[in-house]
Amino acid sequence: MTDFLSETRLSLTTITLNRPSRRNSISSAMFDGMAAELNRLAADDTVRAVCFKGSDQLFSAGADLDELLKSPKTLTEAMTRFFDALERFPKPLVAEVNGPCVGSAFIAVLYCDMVYASPKALFSIPSVALARAPRFGACSLIVRAAGHAKAAEKILLSEPISAQEALDMRLVTAVIDEN
């Protein structure tokens, strides 16, 4: 089984996180694979946009914490390559968030031009609770959308953000019923 799938239909490529046994947590191999896929898609004139989504009833638990403990340098370097590719991507990025979206997965969603969340979506950056600083521009992206006070509250207290609250904070484009 592949840990992420990439499928193109009618000029839209969908990248699906497909590691449900690990809550779609993202390994260094997945970060590197998705970075390479984004670089390939950037050069493909037949692709007009990319949509990220998760398999099953969740988006992603974020970076693979087991790997982070065993090989922090490897995972961090892969994450850096992925976020560089994401930031440079020249076409519209869309996210379809169907459940929990945590840590680096949430940060990736913040880079998207449009984010559609199901009512069951729940967003969180637990960095501070894990005694780590948020990375890859998370703070500035949330502050830009929601303002300093609300961003500080959610980041410093590691509070989860419901789909409706994410909409109110301008972190998502819309909350859409799954039907």
Foldseek 3Di string as FASTA:
>chain_A
DDQWDWDDDQQEIEIEGRDVVQQSAAELVNLQVQLVVLVVSLPDPSHAEYEYAYPDQFGGQYHRVVCCVVPVVSNVVSNVSNLVSLQPRPHAYEYEGRAEQEASSLVSLLSGPAYEYEQRYKYWYCQVVVVHDRDSCPLVSLCVQQNDPVSCVCHNVRDMAGPVRCVVSRSHDYHDHPD
